[in-house]
């Protein structure tokens, strides 16, 4: 027997299907929505429908956008010949939020993972090569995550892009700000040593 009324149980079950939200978190969110004014539920329902109906992929970089091309691809001030390649939209949003990058992006929508059946044809690599033929790209920054699959993707792209005569760089990997060496794993320490930068005298 369910402890919650059927409509509430249904909402909790649907919320629990979202990443990072288990049964308890789903119940907490559902009860909050139930106690809140009806306007919150209506606004939330409209927001959910809007993202499904209005958000699409940018035809240039393949990030999520409402207008095609997206605001970044349409911004002529960002045409500086530098293209940053990321795994997914979340990575692009994080880099953009930092304000440190002023070039353009290309979203792969995944990484190479032969064990999961993900090959080059499953990613936006063909579209990337097409962009390199159309746009005046002088440097490509590979900004995949430091995972086995991310590194395999970097290796594949490096080999592919080396034939194009374009400058290729990899984001630095290693110890995060405020990190403690004794708590770092061996892969992170290895990357930190390989990515060391010289200090000027």
C-alpha atoms as a PDB file:
ATOM      1  CA  UNK A   1       0.000   0.000   0.000  1.00  0.00           C
ATOM      2  CA  UNK A   2       1.319   3.440  -0.980  1.00  0.00           C
ATOM      3  CA  UNK A   3       1.693   5.942   1.841  1.00  0.00           C
ATOM      4  CA  UNK A   4       1.026   8.869  -0.506  1.00  0.00           C
ATOM      5  CA  UNK A   5      -2.138   9.630  -2.512  1.00  0.00           C
ATOM      6  CA  UNK A   6      -1.843   8.389  -6.105  1.00  0.00           C
ATOM      7  CA  UNK A   7      -1.185  11.796  -7.811  1.00  0.00           C
ATOM      8  CA  UNK A   8       1.533  12.628  -5.260  1.00  0.00           C
ATOM      9  CA  UNK A   9       3.053   9.153  -5.582  1.00  0.00           C
ATOM     10  CA  UNK A  10       3.131   9.585  -9.376  1.00  0.00           C
ATOM     11  CA  UNK A  11       4.917  12.947  -9.044  1.00  0.00           C
ATOM     12  CA  UNK A  12       7.475  11.501  -6.609  1.00  0.00           C
ATOM     13  CA  UNK A  13       8.127   8.578  -8.939  1.00  0.00           C
ATOM     14  CA  UNK A  14       8.683  10.932 -11.905  1.00  0.00           C
ATOM     15  CA  UNK A  15      10.962  13.248  -9.915  1.00  0.00           C
ATOM     16  CA  UNK A  16      12.969  10.250  -8.693  1.00  0.00           C
ATOM     17  CA  UNK A  17      13.794   9.383 -12.305  1.00  0.00           C
ATOM     18  CA  UNK A  18      15.838  12.588 -12.609  1.00  0.00           C
ATOM     19  CA  UNK A  19      19.632  12.336 -12.081  1.00  0.00           C
ATOM     20  CA  UNK A  20      20.743  13.045  -8.518  1.00  0.00           C
ATOM     21  CA  UNK A  21      17.203  12.793  -7.118  1.00  0.00           C
ATOM     22  CA  UNK A  22      16.324   9.647  -5.210  1.00  0.00           C
ATOM     23  CA  UNK A  23      13.069   8.631  -3.561  1.00  0.00           C
ATOM     24  CA  UNK A  24      13.568  10.839  -0.485  1.00  0.00           C
ATOM     25  CA  UNK A  25      14.626  13.915  -2.476  1.00  0.00           C
ATOM     26  CA  UNK A  26      11.749  13.312  -4.879  1.00  0.00           C
ATOM     27  CA  UNK A  27       9.299  13.199  -1.970  1.00  0.00           C
ATOM     28  CA  UNK A  28      10.778  16.391  -0.474  1.00  0.00           C
ATOM     29  CA  UNK A  29      10.459  18.290  -3.797  1.00  0.00           C
ATOM     30  CA  UNK A  30       6.952  16.922  -4.438  1.00  0.00           C
ATOM     31  CA  UNK A  31       5.749  17.942  -0.970  1.00  0.00           C
ATOM     32  CA  UNK A  32       7.248  21.404  -1.452  1.00  0.00           C
ATOM     33  CA  UNK A  33       5.383  21.780  -4.756  1.00  0.00           C
ATOM     34  CA  UNK A  34       2.170  20.578  -3.094  1.00  0.00           C
ATOM     35  CA  UNK A  35       2.493  23.155  -0.280  1.00  0.00           C
ATOM     36  CA  UNK A  36       3.415  26.009  -2.662  1.00  0.00           C
ATOM     37  CA  UNK A  37       0.951  28.256  -4.524  1.00  0.00           C
ATOM     38  CA  UNK A  38      -0.583  26.796  -7.687  1.00  0.00           C
ATOM     39  CA  UNK A  39       1.370  29.385  -9.721  1.00  0.00           C
ATOM     40  CA  UNK A  40       4.640  27.579  -8.966  1.00  0.00           C
ATOM     41  CA  UNK A  41       3.315  24.284 -10.354  1.00  0.00           C
ATOM     42  CA  UNK A  42       1.946  26.042 -13.446  1.00  0.00           C
ATOM     43  CA  UNK A  43       5.222  27.893 -14.028  1.00  0.00           C
ATOM     44  CA  UNK A  44       7.220  24.703 -13.527  1.00  0.00           C
ATOM     45  CA  UNK A  45       5.003  22.757 -15.937  1.00  0.00           C
ATOM     46  CA  UNK A  46       5.311  25.521 -18.559  1.00  0.00           C
ATOM     47  CA  UNK A  47       9.115  25.614 -18.158  1.00  0.00           C
ATOM     48  CA  UNK A  48       9.329  21.847 -18.693  1.00  0.00           C
ATOM     49  CA  UNK A  49       7.221  22.029 -21.854  1.00  0.00           C
ATOM     50  CA  UNK A  50       9.132  25.086 -23.132  1.00  0.00           C
ATOM     51  CA  UNK A  51      12.535  23.376 -22.964  1.00  0.00           C
ATOM     52  CA  UNK A  52      11.179  20.348 -24.846  1.00  0.00           C
ATOM     53  CA  UNK A  53       9.417  22.436 -27.500  1.00  0.00           C
ATOM     54  CA  UNK A  54      11.761  25.405 -27.972  1.00  0.00           C
ATOM     55  CA  UNK A  55      15.307  24.160 -27.314  1.00  0.00           C
ATOM     56  CA  UNK A  56      17.219  22.581 -30.209  1.00  0.00           C
ATOM     57  CA  UNK A  57      20.815  22.044 -31.290  1.00  0.00           C
ATOM     58  CA  UNK A  58      22.735  24.924 -32.838  1.00  0.00           C
ATOM     59  CA  UNK A  59      23.492  23.881 -36.436  1.00  0.00           C
ATOM     60  CA  UNK A  60      27.061  25.201 -36.073  1.00  0.00           C
ATOM     61  CA  UNK A  61      28.404  24.169 -32.637  1.00  0.00           C
ATOM     62  CA  UNK A  62      25.659  21.713 -31.564  1.00  0.00           C
ATOM     63  CA  UNK A  63      25.081  23.322 -28.183  1.00  0.00           C
ATOM     64  CA  UNK A  64      21.528  23.814 -26.899  1.00  0.00           C
ATOM     65  CA  UNK A  65      19.889  26.981 -28.182  1.00  0.00           C
ATOM     66  CA  UNK A  66      16.541  28.627 -28.749  1.00  0.00           C
ATOM     67  CA  UNK A  67      17.736  30.512 -31.858  1.00  0.00           C
ATOM     68  CA  UNK A  68      19.839  28.990 -34.631  1.00  0.00           C
ATOM     69  CA  UNK A  69      22.698  29.757 -34.784  1.00  0.00           C
ATOM     70  CA  UNK A  70      23.223  30.222 -31.048  1.00  0.00           C
ATOM     71  CA  UNK A  71      24.280  33.576 -29.558  1.00  0.00           C
ATOM     72  CA  UNK A  72      27.947  32.547 -29.322  1.00  0.00           C
ATOM     73  CA  UNK A  73      28.191  31.341 -32.936  1.00  0.00           C
ATOM     74  CA  UNK A  74      26.386  34.483 -34.118  1.00  0.00           C
ATOM     75  CA  UNK A  75      28.726  36.790 -32.163  1.00  0.00           C
ATOM     76  CA  UNK A  76      31.246  38.119 -34.698  1.00  0.00           C
ATOM     77  CA  UNK A  77      33.459  39.500 -31.914  1.00  0.00           C
ATOM     78  CA  UNK A  78      34.233  35.897 -30.943  1.00  0.00           C
ATOM     79  CA  UNK A  79      35.583  34.944 -34.379  1.00  0.00           C
ATOM     80  CA  UNK A  80      39.183  34.830 -33.183  1.00  0.00           C
ATOM     81  CA  UNK A  81      40.160  31.563 -34.837  1.00  0.00           C
ATOM     82  CA  UNK A  82      40.129  29.539 -31.586  1.00  0.00           C
ATOM     83  CA  UNK A  83      37.747  26.603 -31.222  1.00  0.00           C
ATOM     84  CA  UNK A  84      37.222  24.811 -27.892  1.00  0.00           C
ATOM     85  CA  UNK A  85      35.983  21.218 -28.150  1.00  0.00           C
ATOM     86  CA  UNK A  86      33.918  19.907 -25.224  1.00  0.00           C
ATOM     87  CA  UNK A  87      32.072  16.676 -24.453  1.00  0.00           C
ATOM     88  CA  UNK A  88      28.625  18.082 -23.730  1.00  0.00           C
ATOM     89  CA  UNK A  89      26.545  21.240 -23.280  1.00  0.00           C
ATOM     90  CA  UNK A  90      27.153  21.225 -19.506  1.00  0.00           C
ATOM     91  CA  UNK A  91      30.904  21.511 -20.091  1.00  0.00           C
ATOM     92  CA  UNK A  92      30.386  24.404 -22.489  1.00  0.00           C
ATOM     93  CA  UNK A  93      28.127  26.183 -19.985  1.00  0.00           C
ATOM     94  CA  UNK A  94      30.764  25.757 -17.231  1.00  0.00           C
ATOM     95  CA  UNK A  95      33.550  27.198 -19.390  1.00  0.00           C
ATOM     96  CA  UNK A  96      31.361  30.069 -20.512  1.00  0.00           C
ATOM     97  CA  UNK A  97      30.361  30.836 -16.932  1.00  0.00           C
ATOM     98  CA  UNK A  98      34.048  31.161 -16.000  1.00  0.00           C
ATOM     99  CA  UNK A  99      34.402  34.031 -18.486  1.00  0.00           C
ATOM    100  CA  UNK A 100      37.927  32.858 -19.327  1.00  0.00           C
ATOM    101  CA  UNK A 101      37.317  31.794 -22.934  1.00  0.00           C
ATOM    102  CA  UNK A 102      36.395  34.235 -25.698  1.00  0.00           C
ATOM    103  CA  UNK A 103      36.466  31.976 -28.751  1.00  0.00           C
ATOM    104  CA  UNK A 104      33.872  29.569 -30.099  1.00  0.00           C
ATOM    105  CA  UNK A 105      32.894  26.025 -29.155  1.00  0.00           C
ATOM    106  CA  UNK A 106      32.136  22.648 -30.686  1.00  0.00           C
ATOM    107  CA  UNK A 107      30.087  20.148 -28.648  1.00  0.00           C
ATOM    108  CA  UNK A 108      30.826  16.472 -29.362  1.00  0.00           C
ATOM    109  CA  UNK A 109      27.852  15.072 -27.395  1.00  0.00           C
ATOM    110  CA  UNK A 110      29.875  12.306 -25.817  1.00  0.00           C
ATOM    111  CA  UNK A 111      33.267  10.619 -25.862  1.00  0.00           C
ATOM    112  CA  UNK A 112      34.693   7.572 -27.578  1.00  0.00           C
ATOM    113  CA  UNK A 113      33.831   4.433 -25.627  1.00  0.00           C
ATOM    114  CA  UNK A 114      34.224   1.189 -27.595  1.00  0.00           C
ATOM    115  CA  UNK A 115      32.967  -0.884 -24.642  1.00  0.00           C
ATOM    116  CA  UNK A 116      29.690   1.055 -24.768  1.00  0.00           C
ATOM    117  CA  UNK A 117      29.554   0.923 -28.557  1.00  0.00           C
ATOM    118  CA  UNK A 118      30.309   4.632 -29.002  1.00  0.00           C
ATOM    119  CA  UNK A 119      32.537   5.282 -32.006  1.00  0.00           C
ATOM    120  CA  UNK A 120      33.552   8.409 -33.972  1.00  0.00           C
ATOM    121  CA  UNK A 121      30.398   8.197 -36.084  1.00  0.00           C
ATOM    122  CA  UNK A 122      28.266   8.576 -32.934  1.00  0.00           C
ATOM    123  CA  UNK A 123      29.851  11.929 -32.046  1.00  0.00           C
ATOM    124  CA  UNK A 124      29.851  15.296 -33.836  1.00  0.00           C
ATOM    125  CA  UNK A 125      33.369  14.655 -35.212  1.00  0.00           C
ATOM    126  CA  UNK A 126      32.331  14.694 -38.894  1.00  0.00           C
ATOM    127  CA  UNK A 127      30.640  18.039 -38.291  1.00  0.00           C
ATOM    128  CA  UNK A 128      33.825  19.296 -36.589  1.00  0.00           C
ATOM    129  CA  UNK A 129      35.930  18.398 -39.624  1.00  0.00           C
ATOM    130  CA  UNK A 130      33.396  20.196 -41.824  1.00  0.00           C
ATOM    131  CA  UNK A 131      33.759  23.342 -39.704  1.00  0.00           C
ATOM    132  CA  UNK A 132      37.534  23.261 -40.042  1.00  0.00           C
ATOM    133  CA  UNK A 133      37.088  23.319 -43.813  1.00  0.00           C
ATOM    134  CA  UNK A 134      34.692  26.285 -43.691  1.00  0.00           C
ATOM    135  CA  UNK A 135      35.998  28.457 -40.857  1.00  0.00           C
ATOM    136  CA  UNK A 136      39.370  30.148 -40.350  1.00  0.00           C
ATOM    137  CA  UNK A 137      40.390  28.062 -37.330  1.00  0.00           C
ATOM    138  CA  UNK A 138      44.013  28.461 -36.212  1.00  0.00           C
ATOM    139  CA  UNK A 139      43.855  26.673 -32.860  1.00  0.00           C
ATOM    140  CA  UNK A 140      41.758  23.870 -31.416  1.00  0.00           C
ATOM    141  CA  UNK A 141      41.588  23.435 -27.631  1.00  0.00           C
ATOM    142  CA  UNK A 142      40.687  19.904 -26.539  1.00  0.00           C
ATOM    143  CA  UNK A 143      38.676  20.268 -23.321  1.00  0.00           C
ATOM    144  CA  UNK A 144      37.348  16.776 -22.644  1.00  0.00           C
ATOM    145  CA  UNK A 145      37.159  15.475 -19.079  1.00  0.00           C
ATOM    146  CA  UNK A 146      40.195  13.640 -17.616  1.00  0.00           C
ATOM    147  CA  UNK A 147      38.670  10.173 -17.860  1.00  0.00           C
ATOM    148  CA  UNK A 148      39.864   7.120 -19.790  1.00  0.00           C
ATOM    149  CA  UNK A 149      37.240   7.832 -22.459  1.00  0.00           C
ATOM    150  CA  UNK A 150      38.070  11.545 -22.488  1.00  0.00           C
ATOM    151  CA  UNK A 151      41.767  10.801 -22.998  1.00  0.00           C
ATOM    152  CA  UNK A 152      40.982   8.290 -25.769  1.00  0.00           C
ATOM    153  CA  UNK A 153      38.911  10.980 -27.488  1.00  0.00           C
ATOM    154  CA  UNK A 154      41.775  13.476 -27.174  1.00  0.00           C
ATOM    155  CA  UNK A 155      44.200  10.960 -28.663  1.00  0.00           C
ATOM    156  CA  UNK A 156      41.863  10.249 -31.588  1.00  0.00           C
ATOM    157  CA  UNK A 157      41.186  13.928 -32.274  1.00  0.00           C
ATOM    158  CA  UNK A 158      44.875  14.834 -31.974  1.00  0.00           C
ATOM    159  CA  UNK A 159      45.766  12.293 -34.656  1.00  0.00           C
ATOM    160  CA  UNK A 160      42.898  13.485 -36.877  1.00  0.00           C
ATOM    161  CA  UNK A 161      43.632  17.206 -36.448  1.00  0.00           C
ATOM    162  CA  UNK A 162      47.413  16.885 -36.785  1.00  0.00           C
ATOM    163  CA  UNK A 163      46.901  16.287 -40.495  1.00  0.00           C
ATOM    164  CA  UNK A 164      45.211  19.701 -40.814  1.00  0.00           C
ATOM    165  CA  UNK A 165      48.231  21.780 -39.772  1.00  0.00           C
ATOM    166  CA  UNK A 166      46.249  23.467 -36.977  1.00  0.00           C
ATOM    167  CA  UNK A 167      47.683  24.309 -33.557  1.00  0.00           C
ATOM    168  CA  UNK A 168      46.282  21.778 -31.053  1.00  0.00           C
ATOM    169  CA  UNK A 169      46.294  22.292 -27.290  1.00  0.00           C
ATOM    170  CA  UNK A 170      44.850  20.429 -24.313  1.00  0.00           C
ATOM    171  CA  UNK A 171      43.432  22.103 -21.218  1.00  0.00           C
ATOM    172  CA  UNK A 172      45.762  21.740 -18.229  1.00  0.00           C
ATOM    173  CA  UNK A 173      44.898  18.907 -15.876  1.00  0.00           C
ATOM    174  CA  UNK A 174      46.006  18.399 -12.317  1.00  0.00           C
ATOM    175  CA  UNK A 175      45.687  19.684  -8.768  1.00  0.00           C
ATOM    176  CA  UNK A 176      42.648  21.923  -8.192  1.00  0.00           C
ATOM    177  CA  UNK A 177      42.972  25.232  -6.351  1.00  0.00           C
ATOM    178  CA  UNK A 178      42.852  24.495  -2.620  1.00  0.00           C
ATOM    179  CA  UNK A 179      43.643  20.810  -3.250  1.00  0.00           C
ATOM    180  CA  UNK A 180      45.943  18.730  -1.058  1.00  0.00           C
ATOM    181  CA  UNK A 181      48.633  16.569  -2.715  1.00  0.00           C
ATOM    182  CA  UNK A 182      48.321  13.713  -0.233  1.00  0.00           C
ATOM    183  CA  UNK A 183      44.660  13.225  -1.127  1.00  0.00           C
ATOM    184  CA  UNK A 184      45.119  13.256  -4.919  1.00  0.00           C
ATOM    185  CA  UNK A 185      44.876  10.068  -6.981  1.00  0.00           C
ATOM    186  CA  UNK A 186      47.868   8.930  -9.037  1.00  0.00           C
ATOM    187  CA  UNK A 187      46.306   9.884 -12.411  1.00  0.00           C
ATOM    188  CA  UNK A 188      45.678  13.465 -11.232  1.00  0.00           C
ATOM    189  CA  UNK A 189      49.247  13.736  -9.904  1.00  0.00           C
ATOM    190  CA  UNK A 190      50.625  12.337 -13.166  1.00  0.00           C
ATOM    191  CA  UNK A 191      48.686  14.928 -15.193  1.00  0.00           C
ATOM    192  CA  UNK A 192      49.784  17.706 -12.835  1.00  0.00           C
ATOM    193  CA  UNK A 193      53.444  16.847 -13.330  1.00  0.00           C
ATOM    194  CA  UNK A 194      53.083  16.555 -17.107  1.00  0.00           C
ATOM    195  CA  UNK A 195      51.175  19.861 -17.302  1.00  0.00           C
ATOM    196  CA  UNK A 196      53.645  21.815 -15.155  1.00  0.00           C
ATOM    197  CA  UNK A 197      54.410  25.341 -16.304  1.00  0.00           C
ATOM    198  CA  UNK A 198      57.767  27.159 -15.970  1.00  0.00           C
ATOM    199  CA  UNK A 199      57.984  30.156 -13.665  1.00  0.00           C
ATOM    200  CA  UNK A 200      59.720  33.243 -15.008  1.00  0.00           C
ATOM    201  CA  UNK A 201      62.826  34.368 -13.051  1.00  0.00           C
END
